């Protein structure tokens, strides 16, 4: 089920969901699916978005 979710989940967070929380959830799912490099990429995306919003 987790593998299906990660394949179909949008890269952008749904309305009302903070980007950091969304990418954190995606990173956690990727780690559970034994894909640490992809998880690291998700964390980097979240960091870039937080930085671009000035937070």
N, C-alpha and C. Protein backbone atom coordinates (compact mmCIF):
# COMPACT_ATOMS: atom_id res chain seq x y z
N UNK A 1 0.82 -1.18 0.00
CA UNK A 1 0.00 0.00 0.00
C UNK A 1 0.88 1.26 0.00
N UNK A 2 1.95 1.24 0.76
CA UNK A 2 2.84 2.38 0.83
C UNK A 2 3.49 2.65 -0.52
N UNK A 3 3.90 1.59 -1.20
CA UNK A 3 4.51 1.75 -2.52
C UNK A 3 3.53 2.37 -3.50
N UNK A 4 2.27 1.97 -3.42
CA UNK A 4 1.25 2.55 -4.30
C UNK A 4 1.04 4.04 -3.99
N UNK A 5 1.04 4.38 -2.71
CA UNK A 5 0.84 5.78 -2.33
C UNK A 5 1.96 6.65 -2.87
N UNK A 6 3.20 6.21 -2.70
CA UNK A 6 4.33 7.05 -3.10
C UNK A 6 4.36 7.21 -4.62
N UNK A 7 3.87 6.22 -5.35
CA UNK A 7 3.83 6.32 -6.81
C UNK A 7 2.76 7.31 -7.28
N UNK A 8 1.66 7.40 -6.55
CA UNK A 8 0.54 8.22 -7.00
C UNK A 8 0.43 9.57 -6.31
N UNK A 9 1.11 9.76 -5.19
CA UNK A 9 1.02 11.02 -4.45
C UNK A 9 1.68 12.15 -5.23
N UNK A 10 1.03 13.30 -5.23
CA UNK A 10 1.60 14.47 -5.90
C UNK A 10 2.91 14.88 -5.24
N UNK A 11 3.78 15.49 -6.04
CA UNK A 11 5.01 16.03 -5.48
C UNK A 11 4.75 17.30 -4.68
N UNK A 12 3.69 18.01 -5.04
CA UNK A 12 3.33 19.22 -4.30
C UNK A 12 2.29 18.87 -3.25
N UNK A 13 2.39 19.49 -2.09
CA UNK A 13 1.44 19.18 -1.02
C UNK A 13 0.02 19.62 -1.36
N UNK A 14 -0.97 18.87 -0.87
CA UNK A 14 -2.37 19.29 -1.05
C UNK A 14 -2.62 20.60 -0.32
N UNK A 15 -3.66 21.29 -0.72
CA UNK A 15 -4.01 22.56 -0.09
C UNK A 15 -4.19 22.38 1.42
N UNK A 16 -3.55 23.25 2.17
CA UNK A 16 -3.67 23.21 3.62
C UNK A 16 -2.62 22.36 4.32
N UNK A 17 -1.81 21.63 3.56
CA UNK A 17 -0.76 20.80 4.16
C UNK A 17 0.57 21.52 3.99
N UNK A 18 1.28 21.78 5.09
CA UNK A 18 2.57 22.44 4.98
C UNK A 18 3.56 21.61 4.15
N UNK A 19 4.34 22.29 3.32
CA UNK A 19 5.29 21.60 2.45
C UNK A 19 6.27 20.75 3.25
N UNK A 20 6.73 21.27 4.36
CA UNK A 20 7.69 20.52 5.17
C UNK A 20 7.09 19.21 5.67
N UNK A 21 5.85 19.25 6.11
CA UNK A 21 5.17 18.03 6.58
C UNK A 21 4.96 17.06 5.43
N UNK A 22 4.56 17.57 4.27
CA UNK A 22 4.31 16.72 3.10
C UNK A 22 5.58 16.00 2.65
N UNK A 23 6.64 16.75 2.48
CA UNK A 23 7.89 16.14 2.02
C UNK A 23 8.50 15.25 3.10
N UNK A 24 8.27 15.59 4.36
CA UNK A 24 8.72 14.72 5.44
C UNK A 24 8.01 13.38 5.41
N UNK A 25 6.72 13.39 5.15
CA UNK A 25 5.96 12.14 5.04
C UNK A 25 6.42 11.32 3.84
N UNK A 26 6.67 12.00 2.73
CA UNK A 26 7.17 11.29 1.55
C UNK A 26 8.55 10.69 1.82
N UNK A 27 9.41 11.44 2.51
CA UNK A 27 10.75 10.93 2.83
C UNK A 27 10.66 9.72 3.74
N UNK A 28 9.79 9.77 4.72
CA UNK A 28 9.63 8.64 5.63
C UNK A 28 9.14 7.41 4.88
N UNK A 29 8.20 7.60 3.96
CA UNK A 29 7.70 6.48 3.17
C UNK A 29 8.82 5.89 2.31
N UNK A 30 9.62 6.74 1.72
CA UNK A 30 10.72 6.26 0.88
C UNK A 30 11.75 5.49 1.71
N UNK A 31 12.02 5.95 2.92
CA UNK A 31 12.94 5.21 3.79
C UNK A 31 12.39 3.83 4.13
N UNK A 32 11.10 3.77 4.39
CA UNK A 32 10.49 2.47 4.70
C UNK A 32 10.51 1.54 3.49
N UNK A 33 10.54 2.13 2.31
CA UNK A 33 10.61 1.34 1.08
C UNK A 33 12.06 1.06 0.67
N UNK A 34 12.99 1.34 1.57
CA UNK A 34 14.41 1.05 1.37
C UNK A 34 15.02 1.86 0.23
N UNK A 35 14.66 3.14 0.16
CA UNK A 35 15.21 4.01 -0.86
C UNK A 35 15.75 5.28 -0.20
N UNK A 36 16.89 5.16 0.50
CA UNK A 36 17.41 6.31 1.24
C UNK A 36 17.82 7.49 0.35
N UNK A 37 18.29 7.23 -0.85
CA UNK A 37 18.69 8.34 -1.73
C UNK A 37 17.48 9.18 -2.13
N UNK A 38 16.38 8.53 -2.46
CA UNK A 38 15.17 9.26 -2.81
C UNK A 38 14.63 10.02 -1.60
N UNK A 39 14.76 9.43 -0.41
CA UNK A 39 14.32 10.10 0.81
C UNK A 39 15.15 11.37 1.05
N UNK A 40 16.44 11.27 0.82
CA UNK A 40 17.31 12.43 0.97
C UNK A 40 16.92 13.54 -0.02
N UNK A 41 16.55 13.15 -1.22
CA UNK A 41 16.10 14.12 -2.22
C UNK A 41 14.85 14.84 -1.75
N UNK A 42 13.91 14.11 -1.16
CA UNK A 42 12.68 14.73 -0.62
C UNK A 42 13.01 15.75 0.47
N UNK A 43 13.94 15.40 1.33
CA UNK A 43 14.32 16.32 2.41
C UNK A 43 14.96 17.57 1.82
N UNK A 44 15.76 17.41 0.79
CA UNK A 44 16.40 18.56 0.15
C UNK A 44 15.35 19.46 -0.51
N UNK A 45 14.35 18.87 -1.14
CA UNK A 45 13.26 19.65 -1.73
C UNK A 45 12.56 20.46 -0.65
N UNK A 46 12.28 19.83 0.46
CA UNK A 46 11.61 20.53 1.57
C UNK A 46 12.47 21.68 2.08
N UNK A 47 13.75 21.45 2.21
CA UNK A 47 14.65 22.50 2.69
C UNK A 47 14.68 23.68 1.72
N UNK A 48 14.73 23.38 0.43
CA UNK A 48 14.75 24.45 -0.57
C UNK A 48 13.47 25.27 -0.54
N UNK A 49 12.35 24.59 -0.40
CA UNK A 49 11.06 25.30 -0.36
C UNK A 49 10.94 26.15 0.89
N UNK A 50 11.42 25.65 2.01
CA UNK A 50 11.37 26.44 3.24
C UNK A 50 12.27 27.68 3.08
N UNK A 51 13.41 27.48 2.47
CA UNK A 51 14.34 28.60 2.27
C UNK A 51 13.76 29.62 1.30
N UNK A 52 13.11 29.17 0.25
CA UNK A 52 12.56 30.09 -0.74
C UNK A 52 11.38 30.89 -0.19
N UNK A 53 10.70 30.35 0.81
CA UNK A 53 9.61 31.08 1.43
C UNK A 53 10.09 31.97 2.57
N UNK A 54 11.39 31.94 2.84
CA UNK A 54 11.96 32.81 3.85
C UNK A 54 11.67 32.40 5.27
N UNK A 55 11.47 31.12 5.50
CA UNK A 55 11.16 30.65 6.87
C UNK A 55 12.38 30.10 7.53
